[in-house]
Amino acid sequence: MKKKYSQIPKDEKGYLKNKTDWNINIAQEIATIEKINLSQDHWEIIYLIKKFYKKYNLVPSNRMLLKKTKKKFKKKNNSLYLLSLFPKGPVKQASKIAGLPKPNKCF
């Protein structure tokens, strides 16, 4: 039986305490709570952040995320684009949906 987001340990801001609890269904539940309807564009950023975290064991800063999106995506590489996907903050919301720890600079 798959766990639901409400059944998984989280911190006070709703970030998963254990990143291994994450799956696509959990991501969709978090996105619904965040009032985001996930599209392919959202998933590209979510998986980019997950890949970055796996490589560096660090959630990227906004500057790092922009640098990575500029390398990977030619037309989807500015802060306004990222804010259109994640209006409460690209790193903050995308990392939460990705099941990663709360970024250091997010309060």
PDB file of N, CA and C in Angstrom:
ATOM      1  N   MET A   1       0.839  -1.186   0.000  1.00  0.00           N
ATOM      2  CA  MET A   1       0.000   0.000   0.000  1.00  0.00           C
ATOM      3  C   MET A   1       0.885   1.251   0.000  1.00  0.00           C
ATOM      4  N   LYS A   2       0.613   2.151  -0.914  1.00  0.00           N
ATOM      5  CA  LYS A   2       1.378   3.388  -1.010  1.00  0.00           C
ATOM      6  C   LYS A   2       0.938   4.364   0.063  1.00  0.00           C
ATOM      7  N   LYS A   3       1.926   5.018   0.646  1.00  0.00           N
ATOM      8  CA  LYS A   3       1.624   6.045   1.639  1.00  0.00           C
ATOM      9  C   LYS A   3       1.168   7.313   0.948  1.00  0.00           C
ATOM     10  N   LYS A   4       0.366   8.066   1.658  1.00  0.00           N
ATOM     11  CA  LYS A   4      -0.072   9.373   1.191  1.00  0.00           C
ATOM     12  C   LYS A   4       0.797  10.425   1.861  1.00  0.00           C
ATOM     13  N   TYR A   5       0.827  11.592   1.274  1.00  0.00           N
ATOM     14  CA  TYR A   5       1.622  12.697   1.805  1.00  0.00           C
ATOM     15  C   TYR A   5       1.287  12.962   3.271  1.00  0.00           C
ATOM     16  N   SER A   6       0.022  12.871   3.625  1.00  0.00           N
ATOM     17  CA  SER A   6      -0.400  13.141   5.003  1.00  0.00           C
ATOM     18  C   SER A   6       0.159  12.114   5.993  1.00  0.00           C
ATOM     19  N   GLN A   7       0.584  10.949   5.499  1.00  0.00           N
ATOM     20  CA  GLN A   7       1.086   9.881   6.358  1.00  0.00           C
ATOM     21  C   GLN A   7       2.611   9.882   6.495  1.00  0.00           C
ATOM     22  N   ILE A   8       3.282  10.747   5.774  1.00  0.00           N
ATOM     23  CA  ILE A   8       4.742  10.758   5.726  1.00  0.00           C
ATOM     24  C   ILE A   8       5.287  11.840   6.668  1.00  0.00           C
ATOM     25  N   PRO A   9       6.363  11.540   7.397  1.00  0.00           N
ATOM     26  CA  PRO A   9       6.961  12.558   8.272  1.00  0.00           C
ATOM     27  C   PRO A   9       7.483  13.756   7.469  1.00  0.00           C
ATOM     28  N   LYS A  10       7.105  14.941   7.960  1.00  0.00           N
ATOM     29  CA  LYS A  10       7.505  16.195   7.306  1.00  0.00           C
ATOM     30  C   LYS A  10       7.985  17.170   8.372  1.00  0.00           C
ATOM     31  N   ASP A  11       8.703  18.206   7.933  1.00  0.00           N
ATOM     32  CA  ASP A  11       9.056  19.261   8.875  1.00  0.00           C
ATOM     33  C   ASP A  11       7.892  20.237   8.990  1.00  0.00           C
ATOM     34  N   GLU A  12       8.080  21.307   9.750  1.00  0.00           N
ATOM     35  CA  GLU A  12       6.986  22.256   9.993  1.00  0.00           C
ATOM     36  C   GLU A  12       6.543  23.001   8.736  1.00  0.00           C
ATOM     37  N   LYS A  13       7.378  23.029   7.704  1.00  0.00           N
ATOM     38  CA  LYS A  13       7.029  23.701   6.447  1.00  0.00           C
ATOM     39  C   LYS A  13       6.491  22.736   5.388  1.00  0.00           C
ATOM     40  N   GLY A  14       6.434  21.447   5.703  1.00  0.00           N
ATOM     41  CA  GLY A  14       5.886  20.465   4.769  1.00  0.00           C
ATOM     42  C   GLY A  14       6.901  19.756   3.901  1.00  0.00           C
ATOM     43  N   TYR A  15       8.195  19.979   4.142  1.00  0.00           N
ATOM     44  CA  TYR A  15       9.243  19.275   3.386  1.00  0.00           C
ATOM     45  C   TYR A  15       9.392  17.871   3.964  1.00  0.00           C
ATOM     46  N   LEU A  16       9.568  16.891   3.098  1.00  0.00           N
ATOM     47  CA  LEU A  16       9.720  15.514   3.559  1.00  0.00           C
ATOM     48  C   LEU A  16      10.966  15.383   4.427  1.00  0.00           C
ATOM     49  N   LYS A  17      10.847  14.642   5.513  1.00  0.00           N
ATOM     50  CA  LYS A  17      12.003  14.403   6.379  1.00  0.00           C
ATOM     51  C   LYS A  17      12.909  13.335   5.793  1.00  0.00           C
ATOM     52  N   ASN A  18      12.334  12.432   4.998  1.00  0.00           N
ATOM     53  CA  ASN A  18      13.103  11.353   4.401  1.00  0.00           C
ATOM     54  C   ASN A  18      12.859  11.360   2.890  1.00  0.00           C
ATOM     55  N   LYS A  19      13.866  11.721   2.135  1.00  0.00           N
ATOM     56  CA  LYS A  19      13.674  11.849   0.680  1.00  0.00           C
ATOM     57  C   LYS A  19      13.312  10.532   0.000  1.00  0.00           C
ATOM     58  N   THR A  20      13.556   9.402   0.680  1.00  0.00           N
ATOM     59  CA  THR A  20      13.174   8.115   0.085  1.00  0.00           C
ATOM     60  C   THR A  20      11.665   7.875   0.132  1.00  0.00           C
ATOM     61  N   ASP A  21      10.924   8.700   0.872  1.00  0.00           N
ATOM     62  CA  ASP A  21       9.459   8.601   0.880  1.00  0.00           C
ATOM     63  C   ASP A  21       8.845   9.183  -0.386  1.00  0.00           C
ATOM     64  N   TRP A  22       9.642   9.889  -1.183  1.00  0.00           N
ATOM     65  CA  TRP A  22       9.136  10.589  -2.359  1.00  0.00           C
ATOM     66  C   TRP A  22       8.796   9.605  -3.482  1.00  0.00           C
ATOM     67  N   ASN A  23       7.727   9.910  -4.179  1.00  0.00           N
ATOM     68  CA  ASN A  23       7.394   9.260  -5.453  1.00  0.00           C
ATOM     69  C   ASN A  23       6.531  10.250  -6.240  1.00  0.00           C
ATOM     70  N   ILE A  24       6.184   9.906  -7.440  1.00  0.00           N
ATOM     71  CA  ILE A  24       5.438  10.818  -8.308  1.00  0.00           C
ATOM     72  C   ILE A  24       4.073  11.168  -7.706  1.00  0.00           C
ATOM     73  N   ASN A  25       3.425  10.200  -7.085  1.00  0.00           N
ATOM     74  CA  ASN A  25       2.118  10.482  -6.473  1.00  0.00           C
ATOM     75  C   ASN A  25       2.245  11.483  -5.326  1.00  0.00           C
ATOM     76  N   ILE A  26       3.283  11.338  -4.518  1.00  0.00           N
ATOM     77  CA  ILE A  26       3.536  12.290  -3.426  1.00  0.00           C
ATOM     78  C   ILE A  26       3.797  13.670  -4.019  1.00  0.00           C
ATOM     79  N   ALA A  27       4.589  13.721  -5.081  1.00  0.00           N
ATOM     80  CA  ALA A  27       4.883  15.001  -5.744  1.00  0.00           C
ATOM     81  C   ALA A  27       3.591  15.667  -6.210  1.00  0.00           C
ATOM     82  N   GLN A  28       2.693  14.891  -6.782  1.00  0.00           N
ATOM     83  CA  GLN A  28       1.432  15.458  -7.252  1.00  0.00           C
ATOM     84  C   GLN A  28       0.569  15.949  -6.096  1.00  0.00           C
ATOM     85  N   GLU A  29       0.598  15.230  -4.974  1.00  0.00           N
ATOM     86  CA  GLU A  29      -0.147  15.688  -3.796  1.00  0.00           C
ATOM     87  C   GLU A  29       0.410  17.008  -3.270  1.00  0.00           C
ATOM     88  N   ILE A  30       1.741  17.089  -3.185  1.00  0.00           N
ATOM     89  CA  ILE A  30       2.378  18.328  -2.718  1.00  0.00           C
ATOM     90  C   ILE A  30       2.048  19.474  -3.665  1.00  0.00           C
ATOM     91  N   ALA A  31       2.127  19.216  -4.961  1.00  0.00           N
ATOM     92  CA  ALA A  31       1.821  20.250  -5.956  1.00  0.00           C
ATOM     93  C   ALA A  31       0.375  20.732  -5.816  1.00  0.00           C
ATOM     94  N   THR A  32      -0.537  19.833  -5.565  1.00  0.00           N
ATOM     95  CA  THR A  32      -1.934  20.219  -5.376  1.00  0.00           C
ATOM     96  C   THR A  32      -2.064  21.141  -4.166  1.00  0.00           C
ATOM     97  N   ILE A  33      -1.407  20.792  -3.080  1.00  0.00           N
ATOM     98  CA  ILE A  33      -1.425  21.644  -1.882  1.00  0.00           C
ATOM     99  C   ILE A  33      -0.817  23.014  -2.191  1.00  0.00           C
ATOM    100  N   GLU A  34       0.225  23.022  -3.022  1.00  0.00           N
ATOM    101  CA  GLU A  34       0.897  24.270  -3.408  1.00  0.00           C
ATOM    102  C   GLU A  34       0.137  25.016  -4.513  1.00  0.00           C
ATOM    103  N   LYS A  35      -0.984  24.455  -4.944  1.00  0.00           N
ATOM    104  CA  LYS A  35      -1.813  25.041  -6.013  1.00  0.00           C
ATOM    105  C   LYS A  35      -1.066  25.128  -7.354  1.00  0.00           C
ATOM    106  N   ILE A  36      -0.363  24.053  -7.666  1.00  0.00           N
ATOM    107  CA  ILE A  36       0.365  23.950  -8.925  1.00  0.00           C
ATOM    108  C   ILE A  36      -0.145  22.722  -9.667  1.00  0.00           C
ATOM    109  N   ASN A  37      -0.522  22.924 -10.914  1.00  0.00           N
ATOM    110  CA  ASN A  37      -0.927  21.834 -11.791  1.00  0.00           C
ATOM    111  C   ASN A  37       0.299  21.430 -12.604  1.00  0.00           C
ATOM    112  N   LEU A  38       0.912  20.317 -12.254  1.00  0.00           N
ATOM    113  CA  LEU A  38       2.188  19.936 -12.855  1.00  0.00           C
ATOM    114  C   LEU A  38       2.067  19.642 -14.350  1.00  0.00           C
ATOM    115  N   SER A  39       2.941  20.278 -15.107  1.00  0.00           N
ATOM    116  CA  SER A  39       3.048  20.059 -16.555  1.00  0.00           C
ATOM    117  C   SER A  39       4.429  19.465 -16.839  1.00  0.00           C
ATOM    118  N   GLN A  40       4.688  19.167 -18.080  1.00  0.00           N
ATOM    119  CA  GLN A  40       6.010  18.663 -18.480  1.00  0.00           C
ATOM    120  C   GLN A  40       7.100  19.674 -18.111  1.00  0.00           C
ATOM    121  N   ASP A  41       6.802  20.962 -18.242  1.00  0.00           N
ATOM    122  CA  ASP A  41       7.789  21.994 -17.888  1.00  0.00           C
ATOM    123  C   ASP A  41       8.141  21.933 -16.405  1.00  0.00           C
ATOM    124  N   HIS A  42       7.156  21.706 -15.552  1.00  0.00           N
ATOM    125  CA  HIS A  42       7.418  21.565 -14.113  1.00  0.00           C
ATOM    126  C   HIS A  42       8.316  20.361 -13.849  1.00  0.00           C
ATOM    127  N   TRP A  43       7.971  19.238 -14.477  1.00  0.00           N
ATOM    128  CA  TRP A  43       8.743  18.016 -14.258  1.00  0.00           C
ATOM    129  C   TRP A  43      10.184  18.180 -14.705  1.00  0.00           C
ATOM    130  N   GLU A  44      10.420  18.921 -15.772  1.00  0.00           N
ATOM    131  CA  GLU A  44      11.805  19.153 -16.224  1.00  0.00           C
ATOM    132  C   GLU A  44      12.621  19.822 -15.119  1.00  0.00           C
ATOM    133  N   ILE A  45      12.040  20.818 -14.478  1.00  0.00           N
ATOM    134  CA  ILE A  45      12.741  21.536 -13.412  1.00  0.00           C
ATOM    135  C   ILE A  45      12.866  20.661 -12.171  1.00  0.00           C
ATOM    136  N   ILE A  46      11.815  19.940 -11.825  1.00  0.00           N
ATOM    137  CA  ILE A  46      11.853  19.054 -10.655  1.00  0.00           C
ATOM    138  C   ILE A  46      12.963  18.012 -10.815  1.00  0.00           C
ATOM    139  N   TYR A  47      13.031  17.377 -11.965  1.00  0.00           N
ATOM    140  CA  TYR A  47      14.065  16.364 -12.173  1.00  0.00           C
ATOM    141  C   TYR A  47      15.457  16.977 -12.286  1.00  0.00           C
ATOM    142  N   LEU A  48      15.548  18.185 -12.797  1.00  0.00           N
ATOM    143  CA  LEU A  48      16.836  18.886 -12.840  1.00  0.00           C
ATOM    144  C   LEU A  48      17.341  19.141 -11.417  1.00  0.00           C
ATOM    145  N   ILE A  49      16.447  19.590 -10.548  1.00  0.00           N
ATOM    146  CA  ILE A  49      16.822  19.840  -9.149  1.00  0.00           C
ATOM    147  C   ILE A  49      17.184  18.531  -8.444  1.00  0.00           C
ATOM    148  N   LYS A  50      16.443  17.474  -8.699  1.00  0.00           N
ATOM    149  CA  LYS A  50      16.751  16.177  -8.095  1.00  0.00           C
ATOM    150  C   LYS A  50      18.122  15.676  -8.553  1.00  0.00           C
ATOM    151  N   LYS A  51      18.419  15.840  -9.823  1.00  0.00           N
ATOM    152  CA  LYS A  51      19.718  15.415 -10.363  1.00  0.00           C
ATOM    153  C   LYS A  51      20.846  16.226  -9.726  1.00  0.00           C
ATOM    154  N   PHE A  52      20.640  17.529  -9.604  1.00  0.00           N
ATOM    155  CA  PHE A  52      21.629  18.401  -8.974  1.00  0.00           C
ATOM    156  C   PHE A  52      21.868  17.944  -7.524  1.00  0.00           C
ATOM    157  N   TYR A  53      20.790  17.680  -6.808  1.00  0.00           N
ATOM    158  CA  TYR A  53      20.906  17.250  -5.409  1.00  0.00           C
ATOM    159  C   TYR A  53      21.661  15.925  -5.307  1.00  0.00           C
ATOM    160  N   LYS A  54      21.343  15.010  -6.192  1.00  0.00           N
ATOM    161  CA  LYS A  54      22.011  13.704  -6.166  1.00  0.00           C
ATOM    162  C   LYS A  54      23.514  13.864  -6.404  1.00  0.00           C
ATOM    163  N   LYS A  55      23.889  14.755  -7.302  1.00  0.00           N
ATOM    164  CA  LYS A  55      25.302  14.944  -7.635  1.00  0.00           C
ATOM    165  C   LYS A  55      26.061  15.683  -6.530  1.00  0.00           C
ATOM    166  N   TYR A  56      25.457  16.740  -5.970  1.00  0.00           N
ATOM    167  CA  TYR A  56      26.168  17.607  -5.032  1.00  0.00           C
ATOM    168  C   TYR A  56      25.693  17.489  -3.576  1.00  0.00           C
ATOM    169  N   ASN A  57      24.642  16.703  -3.332  1.00  0.00           N
ATOM    170  CA  ASN A  57      24.039  16.601  -2.003  1.00  0.00           C
ATOM    171  C   ASN A  57      23.680  17.981  -1.455  1.00  0.00           C
ATOM    172  N   LEU A  58      23.109  18.787  -2.334  1.00  0.00           N
ATOM    173  CA  LEU A  58      22.791  20.179  -2.032  1.00  0.00           C
ATOM    174  C   LEU A  58      21.629  20.622  -2.913  1.00  0.00           C
ATOM    175  N   VAL A  59      20.674  21.326  -2.317  1.00  0.00           N
ATOM    176  CA  VAL A  59      19.604  21.930  -3.107  1.00  0.00           C
ATOM    177  C   VAL A  59      20.201  23.182  -3.752  1.00  0.00           C
ATOM    178  N   PRO A  60      20.037  23.368  -5.058  1.00  0.00           N
ATOM    179  CA  PRO A  60      20.661  24.531  -5.698  1.00  0.00           C
ATOM    180  C   PRO A  60      20.037  25.849  -5.240  1.00  0.00           C
ATOM    181  N   SER A  61      20.850  26.885  -5.242  1.00  0.00           N
ATOM    182  CA  SER A  61      20.333  28.229  -5.006  1.00  0.00           C
ATOM    183  C   SER A  61      19.620  28.681  -6.281  1.00  0.00           C
ATOM    184  N   ASN A  62      18.919  29.796  -6.205  1.00  0.00           N
ATOM    185  CA  ASN A  62      18.275  30.326  -7.415  1.00  0.00           C
ATOM    186  C   ASN A  62      19.302  30.578  -8.509  1.00  0.00           C
ATOM    187  N   ARG A  63      20.434  31.130  -8.129  1.00  0.00           N
ATOM    188  CA  ARG A  63      21.485  31.417  -9.116  1.00  0.00           C
ATOM    189  C   ARG A  63      21.995  30.132  -9.771  1.00  0.00           C
ATOM    190  N   MET A  64      22.235  29.097  -8.960  1.00  0.00           N
ATOM    191  CA  MET A  64      22.688  27.813  -9.506  1.00  0.00           C
ATOM    192  C   MET A  64      21.633  27.203 -10.418  1.00  0.00           C
ATOM    193  N   LEU A  65      20.374  27.296 -10.009  1.00  0.00           N
ATOM    194  CA  LEU A  65      19.287  26.747 -10.829  1.00  0.00           C
ATOM    195  C   LEU A  65      19.215  27.458 -12.172  1.00  0.00           C
ATOM    196  N   LEU A  66      19.317  28.775 -12.149  1.00  0.00           N
ATOM    197  CA  LEU A  66      19.304  29.522 -13.411  1.00  0.00           C
ATOM    198  C   LEU A  66      20.467  29.114 -14.311  1.00  0.00           C
ATOM    199  N   LYS A  67      21.627  28.939 -13.722  1.00  0.00           N
ATOM    200  CA  LYS A  67      22.800  28.531 -14.495  1.00  0.00           C
ATOM    201  C   LYS A  67      22.572  27.162 -15.142  1.00  0.00           C
ATOM    202  N   LYS A  68      22.007  26.237 -14.372  1.00  0.00           N
ATOM    203  CA  LYS A  68      21.725  24.900 -14.914  1.00  0.00           C
ATOM    204  C   LYS A  68      20.650  24.942 -16.003  1.00  0.00           C
ATOM    205  N   THR A  69      19.604  25.756 -15.811  1.00  0.00           N
ATOM    206  CA  THR A  69      18.554  25.816 -16.835  1.00  0.00           C
ATOM    207  C   THR A  69      19.083  26.467 -18.106  1.00  0.00           C
ATOM    208  N   LYS A  70      19.995  27.416 -17.976  1.00  0.00           N
ATOM    209  CA  LYS A  70      20.575  28.041 -19.174  1.00  0.00           C
ATOM    210  C   LYS A  70      21.377  27.027 -19.976  1.00  0.00           C
ATOM    211  N   LYS A  71      22.060  26.117 -19.281  1.00  0.00           N
ATOM    212  CA  LYS A  71      22.818  25.083 -19.978  1.00  0.00           C
ATOM    213  C   LYS A  71      21.901  24.068 -20.651  1.00  0.00           C
ATOM    214  N   LYS A  72      20.854  23.673 -19.949  1.00  0.00           N
ATOM    215  CA  LYS A  72      20.007  22.574 -20.420  1.00  0.00           C
ATOM    216  C   LYS A  72      18.896  23.011 -21.375  1.00  0.00           C
ATOM    217  N   PHE A  73      18.287  24.152 -21.095  1.00  0.00           N
ATOM    218  CA  PHE A  73      17.134  24.592 -21.881  1.00  0.00           C
ATOM    219  C   PHE A  73      17.445  25.929 -22.533  1.00  0.00           C
ATOM    220  N   LYS A  74      17.328  25.987 -23.812  1.00  0.00           N
ATOM    221  CA  LYS A  74      17.668  27.220 -24.531  1.00  0.00           C
ATOM    222  C   LYS A  74      16.624  28.322 -24.355  1.00  0.00           C
ATOM    223  N   LYS A  75      15.348  27.973 -24.388  1.00  0.00           N
ATOM    224  CA  LYS A  75      14.297  28.994 -24.344  1.00  0.00           C
ATOM    225  C   LYS A  75      13.629  29.124 -22.979  1.00  0.00           C
ATOM    226  N   LYS A  76      13.981  28.256 -22.054  1.00  0.00           N
ATOM    227  CA  LYS A  76      13.322  28.238 -20.746  1.00  0.00           C
ATOM    228  C   LYS A  76      14.368  28.534 -19.672  1.00  0.00           C
ATOM    229  N   ASN A  77      15.013  29.663 -19.793  1.00  0.00           N
ATOM    230  CA  ASN A  77      16.173  29.841 -18.935  1.00  0.00           C
ATOM    231  C   ASN A  77      16.236  31.178 -18.205  1.00  0.00           C
ATOM    232  N   ASN A  78      15.107  31.734 -17.839  1.00  0.00           N
ATOM    233  CA  ASN A  78      15.184  32.969 -17.072  1.00  0.00           C
ATOM    234  C   ASN A  78      14.332  32.892 -15.823  1.00  0.00           C
ATOM    235  N   SER A  79      14.556  33.813 -14.913  1.00  0.00           N
ATOM    236  CA  SER A  79      13.880  33.760 -13.626  1.00  0.00           C
ATOM    237  C   SER A  79      12.372  33.970 -13.760  1.00  0.00           C
ATOM    238  N   LEU A  80      11.933  34.759 -14.733  1.00  0.00           N
ATOM    239  CA  LEU A  80      10.490  34.953 -14.925  1.00  0.00           C
ATOM    240  C   LEU A  80       9.805  33.662 -15.354  1.00  0.00           C
ATOM    241  N   TYR A  81      10.466  32.912 -16.196  1.00  0.00           N
ATOM    242  CA  TYR A  81       9.933  31.610 -16.612  1.00  0.00           C
ATOM    243  C   TYR A  81       9.797  30.687 -15.400  1.00  0.00           C
ATOM    244  N   LEU A  82      10.848  30.612 -14.588  1.00  0.00           N
ATOM    245  CA  LEU A  82      10.811  29.753 -13.403  1.00  0.00           C
ATOM    246  C   LEU A  82       9.741  30.207 -12.412  1.00  0.00           C
ATOM    247  N   LEU A  83       9.593  31.516 -12.251  1.00  0.00           N
ATOM    248  CA  LEU A  83       8.549  32.038 -11.361  1.00  0.00           C
ATOM    249  C   LEU A  83       7.150  31.762 -11.898  1.00  0.00           C
ATOM    250  N   SER A  84       7.011  31.694 -13.202  1.00  0.00           N
ATOM    251  CA  SER A  84       5.695  31.365 -13.769  1.00  0.00           C
ATOM    252  C   SER A  84       5.312  29.922 -13.433  1.00  0.00           C
ATOM    253  N   LEU A  85       6.314  29.056 -13.289  1.00  0.00           N
ATOM    254  CA  LEU A  85       6.052  27.664 -12.930  1.00  0.00           C
ATOM    255  C   LEU A  85       5.867  27.487 -11.419  1.00  0.00           C
ATOM    256  N   PHE A  86       6.707  28.173 -10.663  1.00  0.00           N
ATOM    257  CA  PHE A  86       6.721  28.040  -9.209  1.00  0.00           C
ATOM    258  C   PHE A  86       6.642  29.433  -8.581  1.00  0.00           C
ATOM    259  N   PRO A  87       5.436  29.991  -8.473  1.00  0.00           N
ATOM    260  CA  PRO A  87       5.265  31.384  -8.070  1.00  0.00           C
ATOM    261  C   PRO A  87       5.707  31.732  -6.650  1.00  0.00           C
ATOM    262  N   LYS A  88       5.809  30.759  -5.762  1.00  0.00           N
ATOM    263  CA  LYS A  88       6.270  31.052  -4.400  1.00  0.00           C
ATOM    264  C   LYS A  88       7.789  30.932  -4.270  1.00  0.00           C
ATOM    265  N   GLY A  89       8.456  30.776  -5.396  1.00  0.00           N
ATOM    266  CA  GLY A  89       9.910  30.639  -5.414  1.00  0.00           C
ATOM    267  C   GLY A  89      10.299  29.335  -6.071  1.00  0.00           C
ATOM    268  N   PRO A  90      11.030  29.406  -7.180  1.00  0.00           N
ATOM    269  CA  PRO A  90      11.371  28.200  -7.937  1.00  0.00           C
ATOM    270  C   PRO A  90      12.087  27.133  -7.104  1.00  0.00           C
ATOM    271  N   VAL A  91      13.099  27.516  -6.376  1.00  0.00           N
ATOM    272  CA  VAL A  91      13.840  26.529  -5.605  1.00  0.00           C
ATOM    273  C   VAL A  91      12.994  26.027  -4.442  1.00  0.00           C
ATOM    274  N   LYS A  92      12.319  26.938  -3.768  1.00  0.00           N
ATOM    275  CA  LYS A  92      11.508  26.589  -2.603  1.00  0.00           C
ATOM    276  C   LYS A  92      10.419  25.584  -2.967  1.00  0.00           C
ATOM    277  N   GLN A  93       9.613  25.899  -3.960  1.00  0.00           N
ATOM    278  CA  GLN A  93       8.502  25.009  -4.322  1.00  0.00           C
ATOM    279  C   GLN A  93       8.972  23.773  -5.071  1.00  0.00           C
ATOM    280  N   ALA A  94       9.893  23.934  -5.999  1.00  0.00           N
ATOM    281  CA  ALA A  94      10.338  22.777  -6.781  1.00  0.00           C
ATOM    282  C   ALA A  94      11.035  21.748  -5.894  1.00  0.00           C
ATOM    283  N   SER A  95      11.852  22.199  -4.952  1.00  0.00           N
ATOM    284  CA  SER A  95      12.528  21.245  -4.076  1.00  0.00           C
ATOM    285  C   SER A  95      11.534  20.553  -3.139  1.00  0.00           C
ATOM    286  N   LYS A  96      10.513  21.275  -2.720  1.00  0.00           N
ATOM    287  CA  LYS A  96       9.478  20.674  -1.868  1.00  0.00           C
ATOM    288  C   LYS A  96       8.732  19.583  -2.641  1.00  0.00           C
ATOM    289  N   ILE A  97       8.337  19.897  -3.859  1.00  0.00           N
ATOM    290  CA  ILE A  97       7.622  18.928  -4.701  1.00  0.00           C
ATOM    291  C   ILE A  97       8.533  17.754  -5.056  1.00  0.00           C
ATOM    292  N   ALA A  98       9.835  18.025  -5.185  1.00  0.00           N
ATOM    293  CA  ALA A  98      10.811  16.981  -5.521  1.00  0.00           C
ATOM    294  C   ALA A  98      11.161  16.100  -4.328  1.00  0.00           C
ATOM    295  N   GLY A  99      10.641  16.434  -3.142  1.00  0.00           N
ATOM    296  CA  GLY A  99      10.905  15.624  -1.962  1.00  0.00           C
ATOM    297  C   GLY A  99      12.264  15.848  -1.348  1.00  0.00           C
ATOM    298  N   LEU A 100      12.871  16.987  -1.651  1.00  0.00           N
ATOM    299  CA  LEU A 100      14.202  17.299  -1.138  1.00  0.00           C
ATOM    300  C   LEU A 100      14.111  18.154   0.121  1.00  0.00           C
ATOM    301  N   PRO A 101      15.203  18.242   0.872  1.00  0.00           N
ATOM    302  CA  PRO A 101      15.181  19.071   2.082  1.00  0.00           C
ATOM    303  C   PRO A 101      14.941  20.543   1.759  1.00  0.00           C
ATOM    304  N   LYS A 102      14.472  21.255   2.764  1.00  0.00           N
ATOM    305  CA  LYS A 102      14.245  22.693   2.612  1.00  0.00           C
ATOM    306  C   LYS A 102      15.575  23.371   2.300  1.00  0.00           C
ATOM    307  N   PRO A 103      15.612  24.201   1.255  1.00  0.00           N
ATOM    308  CA  PRO A 103      16.842  24.927   0.941  1.00  0.00           C
ATOM    309  C   PRO A 103      17.268  25.788   2.119  1.00  0.00           C
ATOM    310  N   ASN A 104      18.561  25.953   2.298  1.00  0.00           N
ATOM    311  CA  ASN A 104      19.110  26.685   3.432  1.00  0.00           C
ATOM    312  C   ASN A 104      18.594  28.111   3.542  1.00  0.00           C
ATOM    313  N   LYS A 105      18.348  28.761   2.430  1.00  0.00           N
ATOM    314  CA  LYS A 105      17.940  30.167   2.462  1.00  0.00           C
ATOM    315  C   LYS A 105      16.437  30.369   2.491  1.00  0.00           C
ATOM    316  N   CYS A 106      15.668  29.309   2.574  1.00  0.00           N
ATOM    317  CA  CYS A 106      14.207  29.425   2.631  1.00  0.00           C
ATOM    318  C   CYS A 106      13.753  29.419   4.091  1.00  0.00           C
ATOM    319  N   PHE A 107      12.888  30.361   4.409  1.00  0.00           N
ATOM    320  CA  PHE A 107      12.389  30.445   5.790  1.00  0.00           C
ATOM    321  C   PHE A 107      10.919  30.179   5.855  1.00  0.00           C
TER     322      PHE A 107
END
